[in-house]
Amino acid sequence: MKANLGMSKYGQIPVGLDLVAINLPGNPFNGKTIGQVVAYADTFLTWHRLLSIPTATAADLATLIADLNCSFAGPIDTLDGGGFAGGVHFTGVKPISEVSWLYRPTSVIPPVAQPTLDFNTLAEVPEKFELRQNYPNPFNPTTTIEFNLAEDALVTVKIFNLLGQEVAILADHQEFTEGANDVEFNASSMASGVYFYRILVSDIATGAMKFHEVKKMMLIK
């Protein structure tokens, strides 16, 4: 599932897979998106419990992830990407409308359009731009978010909750210099739980996106 989310992020399969939501009334994960379910799984592997959904069990989570994987099982086909030089792009196995218990919500943040990437050069990206894990993590109530820039750039850093709602803006098209930089997040007015921080780095002259990444963090009070 995480591999598919990564492929969707960069347009190798249809984008927006992480924003598809669960429609299973009575299920503890009802209304959550696939991206949030995967985040819950990561949290469970770290903490051995589901902090934000006390009614859910590990079996509920495992069953849901298995059902998600089975729902998108099927023959794989590709789009014409201009031969090997144009890259390989996979088609979706089936429309979301054919899976009765999944839907696309309209109240979450839209997927950010990603530039076409050469997957042979992905290993070089961290050497140019890097978003680091916040520290401390877990935190209460403040934490520092560090990032490295290969050049002077415009930076936006925003915080989102598990529902995909924007809860804080730490930098908004603010100019930062090449090298190591950081911003501080004060969550004194927010509830305990998992949050996500997203960085967008744009070229100062053209506004073209240079880098984008999302990481999660845990607030425990």
N, C-alpha and C. Protein backbone atom coordinates (compact mmCIF):
# COMPACT_ATOMS: atom_id res chain seq x y z
N MET A 1 0.83 -1.20 0.00
CA MET A 1 0.00 0.00 0.00
C MET A 1 0.87 1.26 0.00
N LYS A 2 1.93 1.30 0.80
CA LYS A 2 2.79 2.48 0.83
C LYS A 2 3.50 2.67 -0.51
N ALA A 3 3.84 1.58 -1.17
CA ALA A 3 4.45 1.71 -2.49
C ALA A 3 3.47 2.35 -3.47
N ASN A 4 2.20 1.95 -3.40
CA ASN A 4 1.19 2.54 -4.27
C ASN A 4 0.98 4.01 -3.96
N LEU A 5 1.00 4.39 -2.68
CA LEU A 5 0.86 5.80 -2.31
C LEU A 5 2.02 6.62 -2.89
N GLY A 6 3.22 6.06 -2.83
CA GLY A 6 4.38 6.75 -3.39
C GLY A 6 4.28 6.89 -4.90
N MET A 7 3.80 5.84 -5.57
CA MET A 7 3.63 5.89 -7.02
C MET A 7 2.57 6.93 -7.39
N SER A 8 1.49 7.00 -6.59
CA SER A 8 0.43 7.97 -6.85
C SER A 8 0.93 9.39 -6.66
N LYS A 9 1.76 9.60 -5.65
CA LYS A 9 2.28 10.94 -5.35
C LYS A 9 3.02 11.52 -6.54
N TYR A 10 3.77 10.68 -7.26
CA TYR A 10 4.58 11.16 -8.37
C TYR A 10 3.95 10.86 -9.74
N GLY A 11 2.66 10.50 -9.74
CA GLY A 11 1.95 10.36 -10.99
C GLY A 11 2.27 9.11 -11.79
N GLN A 12 2.91 8.12 -11.18
CA GLN A 12 3.18 6.88 -11.90
C GLN A 12 1.92 6.02 -11.99
N ILE A 13 0.98 6.22 -11.05
CA ILE A 13 -0.38 5.71 -11.13
C ILE A 13 -1.28 6.91 -10.87
N PRO A 14 -2.60 6.81 -11.08
CA PRO A 14 -3.47 7.98 -10.88
C PRO A 14 -3.25 8.65 -9.52
N VAL A 15 -3.18 9.99 -9.53
CA VAL A 15 -2.88 10.74 -8.32
C VAL A 15 -4.09 10.78 -7.39
N GLY A 16 -3.82 11.07 -6.10
CA GLY A 16 -4.89 11.26 -5.13
C GLY A 16 -5.31 10.00 -4.40
N LEU A 17 -4.55 8.91 -4.52
CA LEU A 17 -4.91 7.68 -3.83
C LEU A 17 -4.97 7.89 -2.33
N ASP A 18 -4.08 8.72 -1.78
CA ASP A 18 -4.05 8.93 -0.33
C ASP A 18 -5.30 9.63 0.19
N LEU A 19 -6.06 10.30 -0.70
CA LEU A 19 -7.24 11.06 -0.28
C LEU A 19 -8.54 10.28 -0.43
N VAL A 20 -8.47 9.08 -0.94
CA VAL A 20 -9.67 8.23 -1.04
C VAL A 20 -10.06 7.81 0.39
N ALA A 21 -11.37 7.91 0.71
CA ALA A 21 -11.82 7.70 2.09
C ALA A 21 -12.64 6.42 2.24
N ILE A 22 -12.75 5.96 3.48
CA ILE A 22 -13.45 4.73 3.84
C ILE A 22 -14.91 5.03 4.14
N ASN A 23 -15.81 4.24 3.58
CA ASN A 23 -17.24 4.37 3.86
C ASN A 23 -17.76 3.04 4.39
N LEU A 24 -17.50 2.80 5.67
CA LEU A 24 -17.93 1.57 6.35
C LEU A 24 -18.56 1.95 7.68
N PRO A 25 -19.83 2.34 7.70
CA PRO A 25 -20.50 2.72 8.95
C PRO A 25 -20.34 1.63 10.01
N GLY A 26 -19.95 2.06 11.21
CA GLY A 26 -19.71 1.12 12.29
C GLY A 26 -18.27 0.68 12.41
N ASN A 27 -17.50 0.84 11.33
CA ASN A 27 -16.08 0.50 11.38
C ASN A 27 -15.34 1.65 12.06
N PRO A 28 -14.38 1.36 12.97
CA PRO A 28 -13.68 2.45 13.67
C PRO A 28 -12.90 3.39 12.74
N PHE A 29 -12.62 2.95 11.52
CA PHE A 29 -11.89 3.79 10.57
C PHE A 29 -12.81 4.45 9.54
N ASN A 30 -14.10 4.40 9.76
CA ASN A 30 -15.05 5.01 8.84
C ASN A 30 -14.78 6.50 8.69
N GLY A 31 -14.72 6.99 7.44
CA GLY A 31 -14.46 8.40 7.18
C GLY A 31 -13.00 8.77 7.06
N LYS A 32 -12.10 7.87 7.43
CA LYS A 32 -10.67 8.14 7.31
C LYS A 32 -10.21 7.90 5.87
N THR A 33 -9.15 8.60 5.47
CA THR A 33 -8.60 8.40 4.14
C THR A 33 -7.57 7.28 4.16
N ILE A 34 -7.24 6.78 2.96
CA ILE A 34 -6.23 5.73 2.87
C ILE A 34 -4.90 6.23 3.41
N GLY A 35 -4.56 7.49 3.13
CA GLY A 35 -3.32 8.05 3.67
C GLY A 35 -3.32 8.05 5.19
N GLN A 36 -4.47 8.35 5.80
CA GLN A 36 -4.56 8.35 7.26
C GLN A 36 -4.48 6.94 7.82
N VAL A 37 -5.09 5.97 7.13
CA VAL A 37 -5.03 4.58 7.59
C VAL A 37 -3.58 4.09 7.60
N VAL A 38 -2.83 4.42 6.55
CA VAL A 38 -1.42 4.03 6.50
C VAL A 38 -0.64 4.72 7.62
N ALA A 39 -0.98 5.99 7.91
CA ALA A 39 -0.32 6.70 9.01
C ALA A 39 -0.64 6.03 10.34
N TYR A 40 -1.89 5.58 10.52
CA TYR A 40 -2.25 4.85 11.74
C TYR A 40 -1.41 3.58 11.86
N ALA A 41 -1.21 2.90 10.73
CA ALA A 41 -0.41 1.67 10.75
C ALA A 41 1.03 1.97 11.17
N ASP A 42 1.60 3.06 10.65
CA ASP A 42 2.95 3.45 11.04
C ASP A 42 3.02 3.75 12.53
N THR A 43 2.01 4.48 13.02
CA THR A 43 1.97 4.82 14.44
C THR A 43 1.86 3.57 15.29
N PHE A 44 1.02 2.63 14.86
CA PHE A 44 0.85 1.40 15.62
C PHE A 44 2.16 0.61 15.69
N LEU A 45 2.88 0.57 14.57
CA LEU A 45 4.15 -0.16 14.56
C LEU A 45 5.16 0.48 15.51
N THR A 46 5.03 1.81 15.72
CA THR A 46 5.95 2.51 16.61
C THR A 46 5.53 2.40 18.07
N TRP A 47 4.21 2.60 18.31
CA TRP A 47 3.72 2.71 19.69
C TRP A 47 2.96 1.47 20.16
N HIS A 48 2.68 0.54 19.27
CA HIS A 48 1.94 -0.69 19.61
C HIS A 48 0.55 -0.41 20.14
N ARG A 49 -0.01 0.72 19.74
CA ARG A 49 -1.39 1.02 20.08
C ARG A 49 -1.88 2.14 19.16
N LEU A 50 -3.19 2.22 19.02
CA LEU A 50 -3.81 3.23 18.18
C LEU A 50 -4.28 4.37 19.07
N LEU A 51 -3.43 5.39 19.21
CA LEU A 51 -3.68 6.45 20.19
C LEU A 51 -4.94 7.24 19.90
N SER A 52 -5.23 7.52 18.63
CA SER A 52 -6.32 8.42 18.28
C SER A 52 -7.66 7.72 18.10
N ILE A 53 -7.66 6.39 18.01
CA ILE A 53 -8.91 5.64 17.84
C ILE A 53 -8.93 4.52 18.88
N PRO A 54 -9.31 4.81 20.11
CA PRO A 54 -9.24 3.81 21.18
C PRO A 54 -10.13 2.60 20.95
N THR A 55 -11.18 2.73 20.09
CA THR A 55 -12.08 1.60 19.86
C THR A 55 -11.53 0.63 18.82
N ALA A 56 -10.50 1.02 18.10
CA ALA A 56 -9.94 0.16 17.05
C ALA A 56 -8.92 -0.81 17.62
N THR A 57 -8.83 -1.97 17.00
CA THR A 57 -7.85 -2.97 17.40
C THR A 57 -6.86 -3.21 16.26
N ALA A 58 -5.79 -3.90 16.60
CA ALA A 58 -4.80 -4.24 15.57
C ALA A 58 -5.44 -5.10 14.49
N ALA A 59 -6.38 -5.97 14.88
CA ALA A 59 -7.06 -6.82 13.91
C ALA A 59 -7.91 -5.99 12.96
N ASP A 60 -8.58 -4.94 13.49
CA ASP A 60 -9.36 -4.05 12.62
C ASP A 60 -8.47 -3.41 11.57
N LEU A 61 -7.30 -2.94 12.00
CA LEU A 61 -6.37 -2.27 11.10
C LEU A 61 -5.84 -3.23 10.05
N ALA A 62 -5.44 -4.43 10.48
CA ALA A 62 -4.89 -5.42 9.55
C ALA A 62 -5.93 -5.84 8.52
N THR A 63 -7.17 -6.04 8.98
CA THR A 63 -8.25 -6.45 8.06
C THR A 63 -8.52 -5.37 7.02
N LEU A 64 -8.55 -4.11 7.48
CA LEU A 64 -8.82 -3.00 6.57
C LEU A 64 -7.73 -2.88 5.50
N ILE A 65 -6.48 -2.96 5.92
CA ILE A 65 -5.38 -2.85 4.96
C ILE A 65 -5.41 -4.01 3.95
N ALA A 66 -5.73 -5.21 4.44
CA ALA A 66 -5.85 -6.36 3.53
C ALA A 66 -6.98 -6.15 2.53
N ASP A 67 -8.11 -5.62 3.01
CA ASP A 67 -9.25 -5.36 2.11
C ASP A 67 -8.89 -4.29 1.08
N LEU A 68 -8.14 -3.26 1.50
CA LEU A 68 -7.72 -2.21 0.57
C LEU A 68 -6.84 -2.81 -0.53
N ASN A 69 -5.89 -3.63 -0.13
CA ASN A 69 -5.00 -4.25 -1.11
C ASN A 69 -5.78 -5.12 -2.09
N CYS A 70 -6.75 -5.89 -1.58
CA CYS A 70 -7.54 -6.78 -2.43
C CYS A 70 -8.44 -5.99 -3.38
N SER A 71 -8.94 -4.84 -2.91
CA SER A 71 -9.86 -4.05 -3.73
C SER A 71 -9.20 -3.52 -4.98
N PHE A 72 -7.89 -3.32 -4.94
CA PHE A 72 -7.19 -2.78 -6.10
C PHE A 72 -6.31 -3.83 -6.78
N ALA A 73 -6.60 -5.10 -6.49
CA ALA A 73 -5.87 -6.17 -7.17
C ALA A 73 -6.46 -6.38 -8.55
N GLY A 74 -5.63 -6.64 -9.52
CA GLY A 74 -6.12 -6.87 -10.87
C GLY A 74 -5.01 -6.75 -11.89
N PRO A 75 -5.35 -6.96 -13.17
CA PRO A 75 -4.33 -6.87 -14.23
C PRO A 75 -3.72 -5.48 -14.30
N ILE A 76 -2.43 -5.41 -14.53
CA ILE A 76 -1.71 -4.15 -14.61
C ILE A 76 -1.47 -3.80 -16.08
N ASP A 77 -1.75 -2.56 -16.43
CA ASP A 77 -1.49 -2.09 -17.79
C ASP A 77 -0.76 -0.76 -17.70
N THR A 78 -0.17 -0.32 -18.80
CA THR A 78 0.59 0.92 -18.81
C THR A 78 0.07 1.88 -19.85
N LEU A 79 0.36 3.16 -19.62
CA LEU A 79 0.06 4.20 -20.59
C LEU A 79 1.27 4.42 -21.47
N ASP A 80 1.06 5.00 -22.64
CA ASP A 80 2.16 5.32 -23.55
C ASP A 80 2.90 6.52 -23.01
N GLY A 81 4.08 6.30 -22.50
CA GLY A 81 4.88 7.40 -21.97
C GLY A 81 5.98 7.83 -22.92
N GLY A 82 5.85 7.46 -24.18
CA GLY A 82 6.88 7.83 -25.15
C GLY A 82 8.04 6.86 -25.14
N GLY A 83 7.74 5.58 -24.84
CA GLY A 83 8.82 4.60 -24.79
C GLY A 83 9.57 4.71 -23.47
N PHE A 84 10.69 4.02 -23.38
CA PHE A 84 11.45 4.03 -22.15
C PHE A 84 11.96 5.43 -21.80
N ALA A 85 12.21 6.25 -22.82
CA ALA A 85 12.70 7.61 -22.56
C ALA A 85 11.65 8.44 -21.85
N GLY A 86 10.35 8.14 -22.12
CA GLY A 86 9.28 8.90 -21.50
C GLY A 86 8.86 8.38 -20.15
N GLY A 87 9.42 7.25 -19.73
CA GLY A 87 9.07 6.69 -18.44
C GLY A 87 7.86 5.78 -18.56
N VAL A 88 7.62 5.00 -17.52
CA VAL A 88 6.51 4.07 -17.48
C VAL A 88 5.45 4.61 -16.53
N HIS A 89 4.19 4.66 -16.98
CA HIS A 89 3.07 5.12 -16.16
C HIS A 89 2.00 4.05 -16.18
N PHE A 90 1.56 3.61 -14.99
CA PHE A 90 0.59 2.54 -14.89
C PHE A 90 -0.83 3.10 -14.84
N THR A 91 -1.76 2.38 -15.47
CA THR A 91 -3.16 2.75 -15.37
C THR A 91 -3.74 2.23 -14.06
N GLY A 92 -4.87 2.79 -13.64
CA GLY A 92 -5.56 2.27 -12.46
C GLY A 92 -6.20 0.93 -12.78
N VAL A 93 -6.26 0.05 -11.79
CA VAL A 93 -6.86 -1.27 -11.99
C VAL A 93 -8.37 -1.15 -12.17
N LYS A 94 -9.00 -0.26 -11.38
CA LYS A 94 -10.44 -0.07 -11.49
C LYS A 94 -10.81 1.31 -10.97
N PRO A 95 -11.94 1.89 -11.42
CA PRO A 95 -12.38 3.19 -10.90
C PRO A 95 -12.79 3.08 -9.43
N ILE A 96 -12.64 4.18 -8.69
CA ILE A 96 -13.06 4.20 -7.29
C ILE A 96 -14.54 3.87 -7.17
N SER A 97 -15.32 4.26 -8.17
CA SER A 97 -16.77 4.04 -8.12
C SER A 97 -17.14 2.56 -8.11
N GLU A 98 -16.23 1.70 -8.51
CA GLU A 98 -16.51 0.26 -8.53
C GLU A 98 -16.27 -0.40 -7.18
N VAL A 99 -15.68 0.34 -6.25
CA VAL A 99 -15.45 -0.18 -4.89
C VAL A 99 -16.48 0.51 -4.00
N SER A 100 -17.52 -0.20 -3.62
CA SER A 100 -18.68 0.41 -2.98
C SER A 100 -18.37 1.08 -1.65
N TRP A 101 -17.31 0.67 -0.98
CA TRP A 101 -17.04 1.19 0.36
C TRP A 101 -15.91 2.23 0.37
N LEU A 102 -15.57 2.76 -0.81
CA LEU A 102 -14.57 3.83 -0.91
C LEU A 102 -15.17 5.01 -1.66
N TYR A 103 -14.72 6.22 -1.32
CA TYR A 103 -15.21 7.41 -2.02
C TYR A 103 -14.15 8.51 -1.94
N ARG A 104 -14.32 9.52 -2.78
CA ARG A 104 -13.41 10.67 -2.77
C ARG A 104 -14.08 11.82 -2.03
N PRO A 105 -13.62 12.18 -0.82
CA PRO A 105 -14.22 13.30 -0.10
C PRO A 105 -13.86 14.62 -0.76
N THR A 106 -14.67 15.64 -0.48
CA THR A 106 -14.43 16.96 -1.08
C THR A 106 -13.92 17.96 -0.07
N SER A 107 -13.76 17.57 1.21
CA SER A 107 -13.41 18.53 2.25
C SER A 107 -11.97 18.43 2.71
N VAL A 108 -11.14 17.62 2.02
CA VAL A 108 -9.74 17.49 2.43
C VAL A 108 -8.86 18.27 1.46
N ILE A 109 -7.63 18.50 1.84
CA ILE A 109 -6.72 19.26 1.00
C ILE A 109 -6.47 18.51 -0.30
N PRO A 110 -6.47 19.21 -1.44
CA PRO A 110 -6.27 18.53 -2.73
C PRO A 110 -4.82 18.08 -2.88
N PRO A 111 -4.58 17.04 -3.70
CA PRO A 111 -3.20 16.62 -3.92
C PRO A 111 -2.42 17.71 -4.63
N VAL A 112 -1.16 17.87 -4.25
CA VAL A 112 -0.30 18.85 -4.90
C VAL A 112 0.28 18.25 -6.16
N ALA A 113 0.15 18.96 -7.27
CA ALA A 113 0.70 18.46 -8.53
C ALA A 113 2.21 18.33 -8.41
N GLN A 114 2.72 17.16 -8.74
CA GLN A 114 4.15 16.90 -8.64
C GLN A 114 4.80 16.98 -10.01
N PRO A 115 6.01 17.50 -10.10
CA PRO A 115 6.71 17.49 -11.38
C PRO A 115 7.06 16.07 -11.77
N THR A 116 7.18 15.84 -13.08
CA THR A 116 7.59 14.52 -13.55
C THR A 116 9.01 14.25 -13.08
N LEU A 117 9.21 13.11 -12.46
CA LEU A 117 10.52 12.79 -11.90
C LEU A 117 11.14 11.61 -12.63
N ASP A 118 12.41 11.66 -12.77
CA ASP A 118 13.17 10.53 -13.26
C ASP A 118 13.54 9.69 -12.06
N PHE A 119 12.94 8.50 -11.93
CA PHE A 119 13.16 7.70 -10.74
C PHE A 119 14.60 7.21 -10.63
N ASN A 120 15.38 7.32 -11.70
CA ASN A 120 16.79 6.97 -11.61
C ASN A 120 17.58 8.01 -10.84
N THR A 121 17.00 9.22 -10.65
CA THR A 121 17.74 10.28 -9.96
C THR A 121 17.14 10.61 -8.61
N LEU A 122 16.14 9.83 -8.15
CA LEU A 122 15.50 10.14 -6.87
C LEU A 122 16.49 10.09 -5.72
N ALA A 123 17.50 9.22 -5.82
CA ALA A 123 18.46 9.10 -4.73
C ALA A 123 19.25 10.39 -4.53
N GLU A 124 19.27 11.26 -5.55
CA GLU A 124 20.04 12.49 -5.44
C GLU A 124 19.26 13.60 -4.74
N VAL A 125 17.93 13.46 -4.63
CA VAL A 125 17.11 14.54 -4.08
C VAL A 125 17.51 14.94 -2.66
N PRO A 126 17.71 13.98 -1.72
CA PRO A 126 18.07 14.40 -0.37
C PRO A 126 19.37 15.20 -0.30
N GLU A 127 20.25 15.03 -1.28
CA GLU A 127 21.51 15.77 -1.28
C GLU A 127 21.29 17.23 -1.68
N LYS A 128 20.15 17.52 -2.29
CA LYS A 128 19.87 18.88 -2.74
C LYS A 128 18.92 19.60 -1.80
N PHE A 129 17.76 18.99 -1.57
CA PHE A 129 16.78 19.54 -0.64
C PHE A 129 16.42 18.44 0.35
N GLU A 130 16.17 18.82 1.59
CA GLU A 130 15.88 17.81 2.60
C GLU A 130 14.96 18.39 3.67
N LEU A 131 13.91 17.63 3.99
CA LEU A 131 13.06 17.94 5.13
C LEU A 131 13.37 16.92 6.20
N ARG A 132 13.80 17.38 7.36
CA ARG A 132 14.19 16.48 8.43
C ARG A 132 13.03 16.21 9.39
N GLN A 133 13.17 15.11 10.14
CA GLN A 133 12.17 14.80 11.16
C GLN A 133 12.24 15.86 12.27
N ASN A 134 11.07 16.30 12.69
CA ASN A 134 11.04 17.31 13.76
C ASN A 134 11.66 16.77 15.04
N TYR A 135 12.13 17.66 15.88
CA TYR A 135 12.68 17.25 17.18
C TYR A 135 12.31 18.29 18.24
N PRO A 136 11.97 17.86 19.45
CA PRO A 136 11.77 16.45 19.81
C PRO A 136 10.51 15.89 19.17
N ASN A 137 10.42 14.58 19.13
CA ASN A 137 9.24 13.90 18.59
C ASN A 137 9.11 12.54 19.27
N PRO A 138 8.05 12.31 20.04
CA PRO A 138 6.90 13.17 20.36
C PRO A 138 7.33 14.46 21.07
N PHE A 139 6.41 15.45 21.06
CA PHE A 139 6.74 16.74 21.65
C PHE A 139 5.57 17.29 22.45
N ASN A 140 5.87 18.27 23.29
CA ASN A 140 4.87 18.96 24.09
C ASN A 140 5.48 20.22 24.71
N PRO A 141 5.01 21.42 24.36
CA PRO A 141 4.09 21.69 23.24
C PRO A 141 4.81 22.21 22.01
N THR A 142 6.15 22.38 22.08
CA THR A 142 6.86 22.97 20.94
C THR A 142 7.83 21.96 20.32
N THR A 143 8.09 22.14 19.04
CA THR A 143 9.04 21.29 18.34
C THR A 143 9.67 22.10 17.21
N THR A 144 10.84 21.68 16.77
CA THR A 144 11.57 22.37 15.71
C THR A 144 11.58 21.52 14.45
N ILE A 145 11.32 22.17 13.32
CA ILE A 145 11.33 21.51 12.02
C ILE A 145 12.49 22.08 11.21
N GLU A 146 13.44 21.22 10.86
CA GLU A 146 14.61 21.65 10.10
C GLU A 146 14.49 21.21 8.64
N PHE A 147 15.07 22.02 7.75
CA PHE A 147 15.12 21.66 6.34
C PHE A 147 16.37 22.27 5.71
N ASN A 148 16.89 21.59 4.71
CA ASN A 148 18.07 22.05 3.99
C ASN A 148 17.68 22.50 2.59
N LEU A 149 18.25 23.61 2.13
CA LEU A 149 18.00 24.13 0.80
C LEU A 149 19.29 24.14 0.00
N ALA A 150 19.19 23.74 -1.26
CA ALA A 150 20.37 23.76 -2.13
C ALA A 150 20.65 25.17 -2.65
N GLU A 151 19.65 26.05 -2.53
CA GLU A 151 19.79 27.42 -3.02
C GLU A 151 18.77 28.29 -2.30
N ASP A 152 18.90 29.59 -2.38
CA ASP A 152 17.89 30.49 -1.84
C ASP A 152 16.55 30.17 -2.50
N ALA A 153 15.48 30.15 -1.71
CA ALA A 153 14.19 29.73 -2.26
C ALA A 153 13.05 30.28 -1.43
N LEU A 154 11.83 30.21 -2.00
CA LEU A 154 10.60 30.55 -1.29
C LEU A 154 10.07 29.29 -0.64
N VAL A 155 9.77 29.38 0.64
CA VAL A 155 9.38 28.18 1.40
C VAL A 155 8.03 28.39 2.06
N THR A 156 7.18 27.37 1.96
CA THR A 156 5.91 27.33 2.68
C THR A 156 5.91 26.08 3.55
N VAL A 157 5.63 26.25 4.84
CA VAL A 157 5.54 25.13 5.76
C VAL A 157 4.18 25.21 6.47
N LYS A 158 3.37 24.17 6.30
CA LYS A 158 2.04 24.14 6.90
C LYS A 158 1.84 22.86 7.70
N ILE A 159 0.95 22.95 8.71
CA ILE A 159 0.63 21.83 9.58
C ILE A 159 -0.80 21.39 9.31
N PHE A 160 -1.03 20.06 9.24
CA PHE A 160 -2.36 19.52 9.01
C PHE A 160 -2.68 18.47 10.07
N ASN A 161 -3.96 18.35 10.41
CA ASN A 161 -4.37 17.28 11.33
C ASN A 161 -4.71 16.03 10.54
N LEU A 162 -5.18 14.99 11.24
CA LEU A 162 -5.46 13.72 10.58
C LEU A 162 -6.63 13.80 9.60
N LEU A 163 -7.45 14.83 9.73
CA LEU A 163 -8.57 15.01 8.81
C LEU A 163 -8.16 15.74 7.54
N GLY A 164 -6.89 16.13 7.47
CA GLY A 164 -6.42 16.87 6.32
C GLY A 164 -6.71 18.35 6.41
N GLN A 165 -7.12 18.83 7.59
CA GLN A 165 -7.43 20.24 7.78
C GLN A 165 -6.16 21.02 8.15
N GLU A 166 -5.98 22.16 7.55
CA GLU A 166 -4.84 23.01 7.86
C GLU A 166 -5.04 23.65 9.23
N VAL A 167 -4.07 23.46 10.13
CA VAL A 167 -4.21 23.98 11.49
C VAL A 167 -3.17 25.05 11.82
N ALA A 168 -2.12 25.18 11.03
CA ALA A 168 -1.10 26.20 11.31
C ALA A 168 -0.27 26.45 10.06
N ILE A 169 0.19 27.69 9.92
CA ILE A 169 1.12 28.07 8.85
C ILE A 169 2.38 28.61 9.51
N LEU A 170 3.49 27.95 9.31
CA LEU A 170 4.76 28.35 9.92
C LEU A 170 5.59 29.24 9.00
N ALA A 171 5.36 29.12 7.70
CA ALA A 171 6.02 29.98 6.71
C ALA A 171 5.14 29.98 5.47
N ASP A 172 4.97 31.14 4.85
CA ASP A 172 4.09 31.25 3.70
C ASP A 172 4.81 32.02 2.58
N HIS A 173 5.38 31.26 1.63
CA HIS A 173 6.16 31.85 0.54
C HIS A 173 7.23 32.80 1.10
N GLN A 174 7.86 32.35 2.16
CA GLN A 174 8.89 33.15 2.82
C GLN A 174 10.26 32.79 2.24
N GLU A 175 11.08 33.82 2.03
CA GLU A 175 12.39 33.57 1.44
C GLU A 175 13.37 33.08 2.51
N PHE A 176 14.02 31.94 2.23
CA PHE A 176 15.05 31.37 3.09
C PHE A 176 16.33 31.22 2.28
N THR A 177 17.45 31.25 2.96
CA THR A 177 18.75 31.17 2.30
C THR A 177 19.23 29.73 2.15
N GLU A 178 20.14 29.53 1.25
CA GLU A 178 20.74 28.22 1.01
C GLU A 178 21.34 27.67 2.30
N GLY A 179 21.20 26.34 2.49
CA GLY A 179 21.79 25.70 3.66
C GLY A 179 20.74 25.26 4.66
N ALA A 180 21.16 25.13 5.92
CA ALA A 180 20.27 24.64 6.97
C ALA A 180 19.37 25.76 7.48
N ASN A 181 18.08 25.46 7.62
CA ASN A 181 17.09 26.40 8.13
C ASN A 181 16.14 25.66 9.07
N ASP A 182 15.38 26.40 9.86
CA ASP A 182 14.40 25.76 10.73
C ASP A 182 13.26 26.71 11.07
N VAL A 183 12.13 26.12 11.44
CA VAL A 183 10.98 26.87 11.94
C VAL A 183 10.49 26.14 13.18
N GLU A 184 9.80 26.86 14.06
CA GLU A 184 9.30 26.26 15.30
C GLU A 184 7.79 26.17 15.27
N PHE A 185 7.25 25.07 15.77
CA PHE A 185 5.81 24.85 15.85
C PHE A 185 5.40 24.80 17.31
N ASN A 186 4.48 25.68 17.71
CA ASN A 186 3.95 25.72 19.07
C ASN A 186 2.53 25.20 19.04
N ALA A 187 2.30 24.02 19.63
CA ALA A 187 0.99 23.37 19.60
C ALA A 187 0.30 23.44 20.96
N SER A 188 0.56 24.49 21.71
CA SER A 188 0.00 24.59 23.06
C SER A 188 -1.52 24.63 23.08
N SER A 189 -2.13 25.08 21.97
CA SER A 189 -3.59 25.18 21.92
C SER A 189 -4.24 23.99 21.23
N MET A 190 -3.47 22.97 20.89
CA MET A 190 -3.99 21.85 20.11
C MET A 190 -4.06 20.58 20.95
N ALA A 191 -4.90 19.66 20.51
CA ALA A 191 -5.09 18.40 21.22
C ALA A 191 -3.99 17.40 20.87
N SER A 192 -3.77 16.45 21.75
CA SER A 192 -2.80 15.39 21.49
C SER A 192 -3.21 14.60 20.25
N GLY A 193 -2.22 14.09 19.55
CA GLY A 193 -2.51 13.27 18.38
C GLY A 193 -1.44 13.38 17.33
N VAL A 194 -1.71 12.78 16.17
CA VAL A 194 -0.78 12.78 15.04
C VAL A 194 -1.06 14.00 14.17
N TYR A 195 0.00 14.69 13.78
CA TYR A 195 -0.11 15.82 12.86
C TYR A 195 0.89 15.60 11.73
N PHE A 196 0.65 16.31 10.62
CA PHE A 196 1.54 16.23 9.47
C PHE A 196 2.08 17.62 9.15
N TYR A 197 3.36 17.69 8.78
CA TYR A 197 3.90 18.97 8.33
C TYR A 197 4.39 18.80 6.90
N ARG A 198 4.05 19.81 6.07
CA ARG A 198 4.34 19.77 4.64
C ARG A 198 5.17 20.98 4.25
N ILE A 199 6.20 20.73 3.44
CA ILE A 199 7.04 21.82 2.95
C ILE A 199 6.91 21.89 1.43
N LEU A 200 6.77 23.11 0.94
CA LEU A 200 6.80 23.39 -0.49
C LEU A 200 7.93 24.39 -0.73
N VAL A 201 8.85 24.05 -1.62
CA VAL A 201 9.98 24.91 -1.94
C VAL A 201 9.87 25.35 -3.39
N SER A 202 9.88 26.67 -3.63
CA SER A 202 9.70 27.20 -4.97
C SER A 202 10.88 28.09 -5.37
N ASP A 203 11.12 28.17 -6.66
CA ASP A 203 12.16 29.03 -7.20
C ASP A 203 11.77 30.50 -7.00
N ILE A 204 12.69 31.32 -6.53
CA ILE A 204 12.39 32.72 -6.25
C ILE A 204 12.02 33.47 -7.52
N ALA A 205 12.72 33.20 -8.60
CA ALA A 205 12.51 33.97 -9.83
C ALA A 205 11.26 33.54 -10.59
N THR A 206 11.03 32.22 -10.70
CA THR A 206 9.95 31.73 -11.55
C THR A 206 8.73 31.22 -10.78
N GLY A 207 8.93 30.91 -9.51
CA GLY A 207 7.84 30.34 -8.72
C GLY A 207 7.64 28.86 -8.96
N ALA A 208 8.47 28.24 -9.80
CA ALA A 208 8.34 26.82 -10.10
C ALA A 208 8.70 25.99 -8.87
N MET A 209 7.94 24.91 -8.65
CA MET A 209 8.20 24.06 -7.49
C MET A 209 9.52 23.32 -7.64
N LYS A 210 10.32 23.35 -6.58
CA LYS A 210 11.61 22.68 -6.60
C LYS A 210 11.62 21.42 -5.73
N PHE A 211 10.76 21.42 -4.70
CA PHE A 211 10.81 20.31 -3.74
C PHE A 211 9.52 20.29 -2.95
N HIS A 212 9.07 19.09 -2.59
CA HIS A 212 7.85 18.93 -1.79
C HIS A 212 7.97 17.66 -0.97
N GLU A 213 7.61 17.73 0.31
CA GLU A 213 7.64 16.52 1.14
C GLU A 213 6.71 16.70 2.33
N VAL A 214 6.22 15.58 2.85
CA VAL A 214 5.35 15.57 4.02
C VAL A 214 5.91 14.59 5.04
N LYS A 215 5.91 14.96 6.31
CA LYS A 215 6.30 14.07 7.40
C LYS A 215 5.27 14.19 8.51
N LYS A 216 5.24 13.19 9.37
CA LYS A 216 4.29 13.21 10.48
C LYS A 216 5.02 13.38 11.80
N MET A 217 4.26 13.82 12.79
CA MET A 217 4.81 14.03 14.13
C MET A 217 3.73 13.74 15.16
N MET A 218 4.13 13.56 16.41
CA MET A 218 3.18 13.18 17.46
C MET A 218 3.21 14.20 18.60
N LEU A 219 2.05 14.77 18.91
CA LEU A 219 1.90 15.66 20.06
C LEU A 219 1.28 14.87 21.21
N ILE A 220 1.96 14.81 22.33
CA ILE A 220 1.46 14.10 23.51
C ILE A 220 1.48 15.04 24.70
N LYS A 221 0.30 15.31 25.25
CA LYS A 221 0.20 16.20 26.42
C LYS A 221 -0.14 15.38 27.67
